[in-house]
N, C-alpha and C. Protein backbone atom coordinates (compact mmCIF):
# COMPACT_ATOMS: atom_id res chain seq x y z
N MET A 1 9.53 -1.27 14.46
CA MET A 1 9.38 -0.82 13.10
C MET A 1 10.60 0.00 12.71
N ILE A 2 10.92 -0.07 11.43
CA ILE A 2 12.07 0.69 10.94
C ILE A 2 11.57 2.06 10.51
N SER A 3 11.68 2.98 11.45
CA SER A 3 11.24 4.36 11.27
C SER A 3 12.04 5.20 12.23
N PHE A 4 12.66 6.25 11.74
CA PHE A 4 13.43 7.11 12.64
C PHE A 4 13.46 8.53 12.10
N ASP A 5 13.71 9.45 13.00
CA ASP A 5 13.81 10.86 12.66
C ASP A 5 15.27 11.24 12.53
N THR A 6 15.57 12.02 11.51
CA THR A 6 16.92 12.53 11.31
C THR A 6 16.79 13.97 10.82
N GLY A 7 17.23 14.88 11.64
CA GLY A 7 17.05 16.29 11.30
C GLY A 7 15.57 16.60 11.17
N SER A 8 15.20 17.17 10.05
CA SER A 8 13.80 17.54 9.83
C SER A 8 13.01 16.47 9.08
N HIS A 9 13.61 15.30 8.87
CA HIS A 9 12.96 14.24 8.10
C HIS A 9 12.65 13.01 8.96
N ARG A 10 11.61 12.33 8.57
CA ARG A 10 11.31 11.00 9.13
C ARG A 10 11.57 9.99 8.02
N PHE A 11 12.31 8.93 8.35
CA PHE A 11 12.58 7.85 7.40
C PHE A 11 11.73 6.65 7.78
N ASN A 12 11.09 6.03 6.78
CA ASN A 12 10.30 4.81 6.98
C ASN A 12 10.69 3.76 5.95
N LEU A 13 10.70 2.51 6.37
CA LEU A 13 10.79 1.38 5.45
C LEU A 13 9.44 0.70 5.48
N ARG A 14 8.72 0.75 4.36
CA ARG A 14 7.33 0.27 4.31
C ARG A 14 7.21 -0.84 3.28
N ALA A 15 6.32 -1.79 3.56
CA ALA A 15 5.98 -2.85 2.61
C ALA A 15 4.48 -2.80 2.39
N ALA A 16 4.06 -3.03 1.15
CA ALA A 16 2.63 -2.93 0.83
C ALA A 16 2.18 -4.08 -0.06
N ALA A 17 0.90 -4.42 0.07
CA ALA A 17 0.28 -5.48 -0.73
C ALA A 17 -0.49 -4.86 -1.88
N VAL A 18 -0.28 -5.40 -3.06
CA VAL A 18 -1.08 -5.04 -4.23
C VAL A 18 -1.92 -6.28 -4.54
N VAL A 19 -3.20 -6.19 -4.19
CA VAL A 19 -4.10 -7.34 -4.33
C VAL A 19 -5.11 -7.02 -5.42
N PHE A 20 -5.07 -7.80 -6.49
CA PHE A 20 -6.01 -7.64 -7.60
C PHE A 20 -7.08 -8.72 -7.52
N GLN A 21 -8.29 -8.36 -7.92
CA GLN A 21 -9.40 -9.31 -8.06
C GLN A 21 -10.13 -8.86 -9.32
N ASP A 22 -9.99 -9.62 -10.39
CA ASP A 22 -10.54 -9.21 -11.68
C ASP A 22 -9.97 -7.83 -12.02
N GLU A 23 -10.81 -6.84 -12.27
CA GLU A 23 -10.34 -5.49 -12.61
C GLU A 23 -10.34 -4.56 -11.40
N TYR A 24 -10.29 -5.13 -10.21
CA TYR A 24 -10.33 -4.34 -8.98
C TYR A 24 -9.02 -4.49 -8.23
N VAL A 25 -8.71 -3.46 -7.44
CA VAL A 25 -7.54 -3.49 -6.56
C VAL A 25 -8.02 -3.15 -5.15
N LEU A 26 -7.43 -3.80 -4.16
CA LEU A 26 -7.80 -3.58 -2.76
C LEU A 26 -7.04 -2.37 -2.21
N LEU A 27 -7.79 -1.40 -1.69
CA LEU A 27 -7.19 -0.22 -1.05
C LEU A 27 -7.74 -0.11 0.36
N HIS A 28 -7.02 0.64 1.18
CA HIS A 28 -7.57 0.91 2.51
C HIS A 28 -7.39 2.37 2.88
N GLN A 29 -8.22 2.79 3.82
CA GLN A 29 -8.21 4.17 4.30
C GLN A 29 -8.19 4.15 5.82
N VAL A 30 -7.29 4.93 6.38
CA VAL A 30 -7.20 5.06 7.84
C VAL A 30 -8.22 6.11 8.27
N GLU A 31 -8.93 5.80 9.34
CA GLU A 31 -9.92 6.73 9.89
C GLU A 31 -9.30 8.12 10.06
N GLY A 32 -9.96 9.14 9.53
CA GLY A 32 -9.47 10.51 9.64
C GLY A 32 -8.67 10.99 8.44
N ASP A 33 -8.19 10.06 7.61
CA ASP A 33 -7.46 10.45 6.40
C ASP A 33 -8.44 10.71 5.27
N ASP A 34 -8.04 11.55 4.32
CA ASP A 34 -8.90 11.85 3.18
C ASP A 34 -8.40 11.19 1.90
N PHE A 35 -7.56 10.16 2.04
CA PHE A 35 -7.00 9.48 0.88
C PHE A 35 -6.99 7.97 1.12
N TRP A 36 -6.84 7.23 0.04
CA TRP A 36 -6.74 5.77 0.05
C TRP A 36 -5.31 5.37 -0.29
N CYS A 37 -4.88 4.22 0.21
CA CYS A 37 -3.56 3.71 -0.10
C CYS A 37 -3.59 2.18 -0.10
N LEU A 38 -2.47 1.59 -0.45
CA LEU A 38 -2.36 0.14 -0.42
C LEU A 38 -2.20 -0.34 1.02
N PRO A 39 -2.78 -1.48 1.36
CA PRO A 39 -2.58 -2.03 2.70
C PRO A 39 -1.12 -2.44 2.89
N GLY A 40 -0.66 -2.33 4.11
CA GLY A 40 0.71 -2.70 4.44
C GLY A 40 1.14 -1.96 5.68
N GLY A 41 2.44 -1.87 5.88
CA GLY A 41 2.94 -1.18 7.06
C GLY A 41 4.45 -1.16 7.10
N ARG A 42 4.95 -0.72 8.22
CA ARG A 42 6.40 -0.59 8.38
C ARG A 42 7.03 -1.94 8.70
N VAL A 43 8.19 -2.13 8.11
CA VAL A 43 8.96 -3.35 8.32
C VAL A 43 9.57 -3.32 9.72
N GLU A 44 9.52 -4.45 10.40
CA GLU A 44 10.15 -4.59 11.72
C GLU A 44 11.60 -5.02 11.54
N PRO A 45 12.51 -4.64 12.46
CA PRO A 45 13.90 -5.09 12.37
C PRO A 45 13.96 -6.63 12.34
N GLY A 46 14.77 -7.16 11.42
CA GLY A 46 14.92 -8.61 11.29
C GLY A 46 13.83 -9.28 10.46
N GLU A 47 12.86 -8.52 10.00
CA GLU A 47 11.74 -9.06 9.21
C GLU A 47 11.96 -8.67 7.75
N HIS A 48 11.80 -9.63 6.84
CA HIS A 48 11.90 -9.21 5.44
C HIS A 48 10.55 -8.66 4.98
N ALA A 49 10.60 -7.83 3.96
CA ALA A 49 9.43 -7.03 3.57
C ALA A 49 8.22 -7.87 3.20
N ALA A 50 8.41 -9.02 2.55
CA ALA A 50 7.27 -9.87 2.21
C ALA A 50 6.59 -10.39 3.48
N GLN A 51 7.38 -10.70 4.51
CA GLN A 51 6.79 -11.11 5.80
C GLN A 51 5.97 -9.98 6.40
N THR A 52 6.42 -8.75 6.21
CA THR A 52 5.68 -7.60 6.72
C THR A 52 4.29 -7.56 6.12
N VAL A 53 4.19 -7.76 4.81
CA VAL A 53 2.89 -7.74 4.14
C VAL A 53 1.98 -8.82 4.72
N VAL A 54 2.49 -10.03 4.88
CA VAL A 54 1.70 -11.14 5.44
C VAL A 54 1.24 -10.78 6.85
N ARG A 55 2.16 -10.27 7.67
CA ARG A 55 1.83 -9.92 9.06
C ARG A 55 0.80 -8.80 9.12
N GLU A 56 1.03 -7.74 8.36
CA GLU A 56 0.13 -6.58 8.40
C GLU A 56 -1.28 -6.94 7.94
N MET A 57 -1.40 -7.73 6.87
CA MET A 57 -2.73 -8.13 6.40
C MET A 57 -3.46 -8.95 7.47
N HIS A 58 -2.72 -9.79 8.17
CA HIS A 58 -3.34 -10.59 9.24
C HIS A 58 -3.72 -9.71 10.43
N GLU A 59 -2.80 -8.82 10.85
CA GLU A 59 -3.07 -7.96 12.00
C GLU A 59 -4.21 -6.97 11.74
N GLU A 60 -4.21 -6.37 10.56
CA GLU A 60 -5.15 -5.28 10.29
C GLU A 60 -6.55 -5.74 9.92
N VAL A 61 -6.65 -6.87 9.21
CA VAL A 61 -7.98 -7.27 8.75
C VAL A 61 -8.22 -8.78 8.86
N GLY A 62 -7.28 -9.51 9.46
CA GLY A 62 -7.47 -10.95 9.67
C GLY A 62 -7.39 -11.78 8.41
N ALA A 63 -6.72 -11.27 7.38
CA ALA A 63 -6.65 -11.98 6.09
C ALA A 63 -5.30 -12.67 5.92
N SER A 64 -5.34 -13.84 5.29
CA SER A 64 -4.12 -14.55 4.93
C SER A 64 -3.83 -14.30 3.46
N VAL A 65 -2.58 -13.96 3.16
CA VAL A 65 -2.18 -13.71 1.78
C VAL A 65 -0.94 -14.52 1.42
N GLN A 66 -0.81 -14.79 0.14
CA GLN A 66 0.39 -15.40 -0.43
C GLN A 66 1.06 -14.34 -1.30
N ILE A 67 2.35 -14.19 -1.13
CA ILE A 67 3.11 -13.24 -1.95
C ILE A 67 3.43 -13.91 -3.28
N GLU A 68 3.10 -13.23 -4.38
CA GLU A 68 3.35 -13.78 -5.71
C GLU A 68 4.63 -13.25 -6.34
N LYS A 69 4.84 -11.92 -6.25
CA LYS A 69 6.06 -11.34 -6.84
C LYS A 69 6.26 -9.93 -6.33
N THR A 70 7.48 -9.45 -6.49
CA THR A 70 7.78 -8.05 -6.19
C THR A 70 7.29 -7.21 -7.36
N LEU A 71 6.55 -6.15 -7.05
CA LEU A 71 6.01 -5.29 -8.10
C LEU A 71 6.89 -4.06 -8.32
N CYS A 72 7.27 -3.38 -7.22
CA CYS A 72 8.09 -2.18 -7.40
C CYS A 72 8.81 -1.79 -6.11
N VAL A 73 9.84 -1.00 -6.34
CA VAL A 73 10.60 -0.37 -5.26
C VAL A 73 10.35 1.12 -5.42
N VAL A 74 9.94 1.76 -4.32
CA VAL A 74 9.51 3.15 -4.37
C VAL A 74 10.36 4.00 -3.44
N GLU A 75 10.86 5.11 -3.96
CA GLU A 75 11.47 6.14 -3.14
C GLU A 75 10.47 7.28 -3.10
N ASN A 76 9.85 7.49 -1.96
CA ASN A 76 8.75 8.45 -1.84
C ASN A 76 9.15 9.56 -0.88
N PHE A 77 9.07 10.79 -1.36
CA PHE A 77 9.38 11.98 -0.56
C PHE A 77 8.09 12.77 -0.46
N PHE A 78 7.57 12.94 0.75
CA PHE A 78 6.26 13.59 0.91
C PHE A 78 6.14 14.22 2.29
N SER A 79 5.11 15.05 2.44
CA SER A 79 4.77 15.63 3.74
C SER A 79 3.44 15.05 4.18
N HIS A 80 3.34 14.73 5.46
CA HIS A 80 2.10 14.21 6.04
C HIS A 80 2.02 14.68 7.48
N ASN A 81 0.89 15.25 7.82
CA ASN A 81 0.69 15.79 9.17
C ASN A 81 1.81 16.75 9.57
N GLY A 82 2.25 17.58 8.61
CA GLY A 82 3.25 18.59 8.89
C GLY A 82 4.68 18.10 8.98
N ARG A 83 4.92 16.84 8.66
CA ARG A 83 6.26 16.27 8.76
C ARG A 83 6.75 15.85 7.38
N THR A 84 8.04 16.13 7.09
CA THR A 84 8.66 15.71 5.85
C THR A 84 9.11 14.26 5.99
N ASN A 85 8.72 13.43 5.02
CA ASN A 85 9.02 12.00 5.07
C ASN A 85 9.86 11.57 3.88
N HIS A 86 10.74 10.62 4.14
CA HIS A 86 11.51 9.93 3.11
C HIS A 86 11.20 8.46 3.35
N GLU A 87 10.49 7.85 2.41
CA GLU A 87 10.04 6.47 2.61
C GLU A 87 10.54 5.59 1.48
N ILE A 88 11.09 4.45 1.84
CA ILE A 88 11.41 3.41 0.88
C ILE A 88 10.29 2.39 0.99
N GLY A 89 9.62 2.13 -0.13
CA GLY A 89 8.51 1.18 -0.14
C GLY A 89 8.81 0.00 -1.03
N LEU A 90 8.51 -1.19 -0.54
CA LEU A 90 8.63 -2.42 -1.31
C LEU A 90 7.21 -2.95 -1.50
N TYR A 91 6.75 -2.99 -2.74
CA TYR A 91 5.36 -3.34 -3.05
C TYR A 91 5.32 -4.72 -3.69
N PHE A 92 4.44 -5.57 -3.18
CA PHE A 92 4.34 -6.96 -3.62
C PHE A 92 2.94 -7.28 -4.13
N VAL A 93 2.86 -8.00 -5.24
CA VAL A 93 1.58 -8.55 -5.67
C VAL A 93 1.28 -9.71 -4.72
N ALA A 94 0.10 -9.68 -4.12
CA ALA A 94 -0.31 -10.71 -3.16
C ALA A 94 -1.67 -11.26 -3.57
N ARG A 95 -1.93 -12.49 -3.15
CA ARG A 95 -3.19 -13.16 -3.44
C ARG A 95 -3.85 -13.55 -2.13
N LEU A 96 -5.12 -13.21 -2.00
CA LEU A 96 -5.87 -13.60 -0.80
C LEU A 96 -6.15 -15.09 -0.82
N GLU A 97 -6.18 -15.67 0.38
CA GLU A 97 -6.49 -17.09 0.53
C GLU A 97 -7.91 -17.35 0.01
N SER A 98 -8.08 -18.46 -0.69
CA SER A 98 -9.39 -18.84 -1.21
C SER A 98 -10.41 -18.89 -0.08
N GLY A 99 -11.59 -18.33 -0.33
CA GLY A 99 -12.64 -18.33 0.68
C GLY A 99 -12.57 -17.17 1.66
N SER A 100 -11.59 -16.30 1.52
CA SER A 100 -11.47 -15.15 2.42
C SER A 100 -12.69 -14.25 2.30
N PRO A 101 -13.28 -13.82 3.43
CA PRO A 101 -14.39 -12.88 3.36
C PRO A 101 -14.01 -11.58 2.66
N LEU A 102 -12.73 -11.25 2.67
CA LEU A 102 -12.25 -10.03 2.03
C LEU A 102 -12.42 -10.06 0.51
N LEU A 103 -12.64 -11.25 -0.06
CA LEU A 103 -12.83 -11.37 -1.50
C LEU A 103 -14.18 -10.85 -1.98
N ASP A 104 -15.07 -10.52 -1.06
CA ASP A 104 -16.39 -9.99 -1.42
C ASP A 104 -16.22 -8.55 -1.90
N LEU A 105 -16.40 -8.34 -3.20
CA LEU A 105 -16.19 -7.03 -3.81
C LEU A 105 -17.32 -6.05 -3.50
N ALA A 106 -18.47 -6.55 -3.08
CA ALA A 106 -19.67 -5.72 -2.96
C ALA A 106 -19.73 -4.90 -1.68
N VAL A 107 -18.91 -5.22 -0.70
CA VAL A 107 -19.00 -4.52 0.59
C VAL A 107 -17.64 -4.00 1.01
N SER A 108 -17.66 -3.01 1.89
CA SER A 108 -16.43 -2.54 2.53
C SER A 108 -16.13 -3.46 3.70
N HIS A 109 -14.87 -3.62 4.00
CA HIS A 109 -14.43 -4.46 5.10
C HIS A 109 -13.72 -3.56 6.10
N HIS A 110 -13.73 -3.95 7.36
CA HIS A 110 -13.14 -3.10 8.39
C HIS A 110 -12.13 -3.86 9.22
N GLY A 111 -11.13 -3.13 9.64
CA GLY A 111 -10.09 -3.66 10.50
C GLY A 111 -9.59 -2.53 11.37
N SER A 112 -8.45 -2.76 12.02
CA SER A 112 -7.90 -1.72 12.87
C SER A 112 -6.39 -1.79 12.90
N GLU A 113 -5.82 -0.65 13.22
CA GLU A 113 -4.39 -0.53 13.47
C GLU A 113 -4.26 0.30 14.72
N GLY A 114 -3.90 -0.35 15.82
CA GLY A 114 -3.90 0.34 17.10
C GLY A 114 -5.32 0.76 17.42
N ASN A 115 -5.51 2.04 17.70
CA ASN A 115 -6.85 2.54 18.02
C ASN A 115 -7.55 3.18 16.82
N LYS A 116 -6.97 3.03 15.63
CA LYS A 116 -7.58 3.62 14.43
C LYS A 116 -8.30 2.56 13.61
N ARG A 117 -9.49 2.93 13.15
CA ARG A 117 -10.29 2.04 12.31
C ARG A 117 -9.80 2.14 10.86
N LEU A 118 -9.74 1.02 10.19
CA LEU A 118 -9.36 0.95 8.78
C LEU A 118 -10.55 0.47 7.96
N THR A 119 -10.74 1.07 6.80
CA THR A 119 -11.76 0.61 5.86
C THR A 119 -11.05 0.07 4.63
N PHE A 120 -11.37 -1.16 4.27
CA PHE A 120 -10.81 -1.81 3.09
C PHE A 120 -11.90 -1.89 2.03
N SER A 121 -11.60 -1.44 0.82
CA SER A 121 -12.58 -1.47 -0.27
C SER A 121 -11.89 -1.86 -1.57
N TRP A 122 -12.66 -2.53 -2.42
CA TRP A 122 -12.21 -2.86 -3.76
C TRP A 122 -12.57 -1.71 -4.68
N VAL A 123 -11.59 -1.22 -5.42
CA VAL A 123 -11.79 -0.08 -6.31
C VAL A 123 -11.45 -0.53 -7.73
N SER A 124 -12.34 -0.22 -8.66
CA SER A 124 -12.08 -0.51 -10.06
C SER A 124 -10.80 0.21 -10.49
N ARG A 125 -9.95 -0.49 -11.20
CA ARG A 125 -8.69 0.13 -11.65
C ARG A 125 -8.97 1.35 -12.52
N GLN A 126 -10.08 1.35 -13.26
CA GLN A 126 -10.43 2.49 -14.10
C GLN A 126 -10.89 3.69 -13.27
N ARG A 127 -11.33 3.47 -12.04
CA ARG A 127 -11.81 4.56 -11.18
C ARG A 127 -10.71 5.20 -10.34
N LEU A 128 -9.50 4.70 -10.41
CA LEU A 128 -8.43 5.22 -9.56
C LEU A 128 -8.19 6.71 -9.76
N SER A 129 -8.43 7.21 -10.96
CA SER A 129 -8.21 8.64 -11.22
C SER A 129 -9.30 9.50 -10.59
N GLU A 130 -10.39 8.89 -10.12
CA GLU A 130 -11.51 9.63 -9.55
C GLU A 130 -11.42 9.80 -8.04
N ILE A 131 -10.49 9.10 -7.41
CA ILE A 131 -10.38 9.17 -5.95
C ILE A 131 -8.98 9.64 -5.56
N GLU A 132 -8.83 10.08 -4.34
CA GLU A 132 -7.52 10.51 -3.83
C GLU A 132 -6.76 9.26 -3.39
N VAL A 133 -5.70 8.95 -4.13
CA VAL A 133 -4.87 7.78 -3.84
C VAL A 133 -3.46 8.27 -3.58
N ARG A 134 -2.83 7.71 -2.56
CA ARG A 134 -1.43 8.05 -2.27
C ARG A 134 -0.60 6.80 -2.11
N PRO A 135 0.62 6.83 -2.58
CA PRO A 135 1.24 7.86 -3.40
C PRO A 135 0.51 7.98 -4.75
N THR A 136 0.55 9.16 -5.34
CA THR A 136 -0.23 9.44 -6.53
C THR A 136 0.19 8.62 -7.75
N PHE A 137 1.43 8.15 -7.81
CA PHE A 137 1.87 7.35 -8.95
C PHE A 137 1.06 6.06 -9.08
N LEU A 138 0.40 5.62 -7.99
CA LEU A 138 -0.37 4.38 -8.04
C LEU A 138 -1.46 4.42 -9.09
N ARG A 139 -2.02 5.60 -9.32
CA ARG A 139 -3.06 5.71 -10.36
C ARG A 139 -2.55 5.18 -11.70
N GLN A 140 -1.35 5.59 -12.06
CA GLN A 140 -0.78 5.16 -13.34
C GLN A 140 -0.30 3.71 -13.27
N LEU A 141 0.44 3.37 -12.24
CA LEU A 141 1.02 2.04 -12.15
C LEU A 141 -0.05 0.95 -12.11
N LEU A 142 -1.10 1.15 -11.32
CA LEU A 142 -2.11 0.11 -11.14
C LEU A 142 -3.08 0.00 -12.31
N GLN A 143 -3.08 0.99 -13.21
CA GLN A 143 -3.93 0.90 -14.39
C GLN A 143 -3.19 0.30 -15.58
N ALA A 144 -1.89 0.08 -15.45
CA ALA A 144 -1.11 -0.47 -16.55
C ALA A 144 -1.58 -1.89 -16.87
N GLU A 145 -1.59 -2.21 -18.16
CA GLU A 145 -2.04 -3.54 -18.61
C GLU A 145 -1.09 -4.63 -18.12
N HIS A 146 0.19 -4.43 -18.34
CA HIS A 146 1.20 -5.40 -17.89
C HIS A 146 2.20 -4.64 -17.04
N ILE A 147 2.40 -5.11 -15.84
CA ILE A 147 3.29 -4.40 -14.93
C ILE A 147 4.55 -5.24 -14.72
N ALA A 148 5.69 -4.68 -15.11
CA ALA A 148 6.97 -5.32 -14.85
C ALA A 148 7.55 -4.69 -13.59
N LEU A 149 8.63 -5.24 -13.09
CA LEU A 149 9.27 -4.66 -11.91
C LEU A 149 9.59 -3.20 -12.19
N ALA A 150 9.16 -2.33 -11.31
CA ALA A 150 9.32 -0.89 -11.52
C ALA A 150 10.11 -0.26 -10.38
N HIS A 151 10.83 0.79 -10.72
CA HIS A 151 11.49 1.64 -9.72
C HIS A 151 10.82 3.00 -9.85
N VAL A 152 10.28 3.50 -8.73
CA VAL A 152 9.53 4.75 -8.74
C VAL A 152 10.21 5.74 -7.81
N ILE A 153 10.36 6.98 -8.27
CA ILE A 153 10.81 8.07 -7.42
C ILE A 153 9.71 9.13 -7.46
N GLN A 154 9.16 9.45 -6.30
CA GLN A 154 8.11 10.46 -6.23
C GLN A 154 8.53 11.54 -5.25
N ARG A 155 8.46 12.80 -5.71
CA ARG A 155 8.68 13.99 -4.87
C ARG A 155 7.46 14.87 -5.02
N GLY A 156 6.70 14.99 -3.94
CA GLY A 156 5.46 15.75 -4.02
C GLY A 156 4.53 15.08 -5.03
N SER A 157 4.04 15.84 -6.00
CA SER A 157 3.14 15.26 -7.00
C SER A 157 3.88 14.81 -8.26
N HIS A 158 5.17 15.07 -8.36
CA HIS A 158 5.96 14.67 -9.53
C HIS A 158 6.55 13.28 -9.29
N PHE A 159 6.45 12.41 -10.30
CA PHE A 159 7.05 11.09 -10.16
C PHE A 159 7.65 10.62 -11.46
N GLU A 160 8.62 9.70 -11.34
CA GLU A 160 9.24 9.04 -12.48
C GLU A 160 9.13 7.55 -12.24
N ILE A 161 8.71 6.82 -13.26
CA ILE A 161 8.63 5.37 -13.18
C ILE A 161 9.56 4.80 -14.24
N SER A 162 10.47 3.92 -13.84
CA SER A 162 11.32 3.23 -14.81
C SER A 162 11.12 1.73 -14.64
N TYR A 163 11.10 1.03 -15.77
CA TYR A 163 10.89 -0.42 -15.77
C TYR A 163 12.15 -1.12 -16.19
């Protein structure tokens, strides 16, 4: 994975899936975390970011996805577990394979990453402001009626989105 420490910072290159189903978006939560985020993971050396999304969805929850388009490029500066992070995120609109059990909006789905359990749930786009979502800019971006390619810079709770 492309992740390294430099001085007091950790750098990550992350790719994430934005999966819509009607007015719902698929989010996941890692066991022990108090927030939800988009499914995805760190890019491996030699792997392009869209491949990362396909691989991570298969590894974490056994789902096959098709990448439809690039949604945004994110420069995210945040602290997690006492560590300062600088993360470049490439977010892709993805579509689940027809007939996937993950398409069932009524139940939570479970997967794993290493020894940690993951919970995948469909959340109404209108409810995003009611739950803890990270990065926080997702509340605004995912509720937009029409989303064009966006560049996002987030530092702490402050963010700028340009289209």
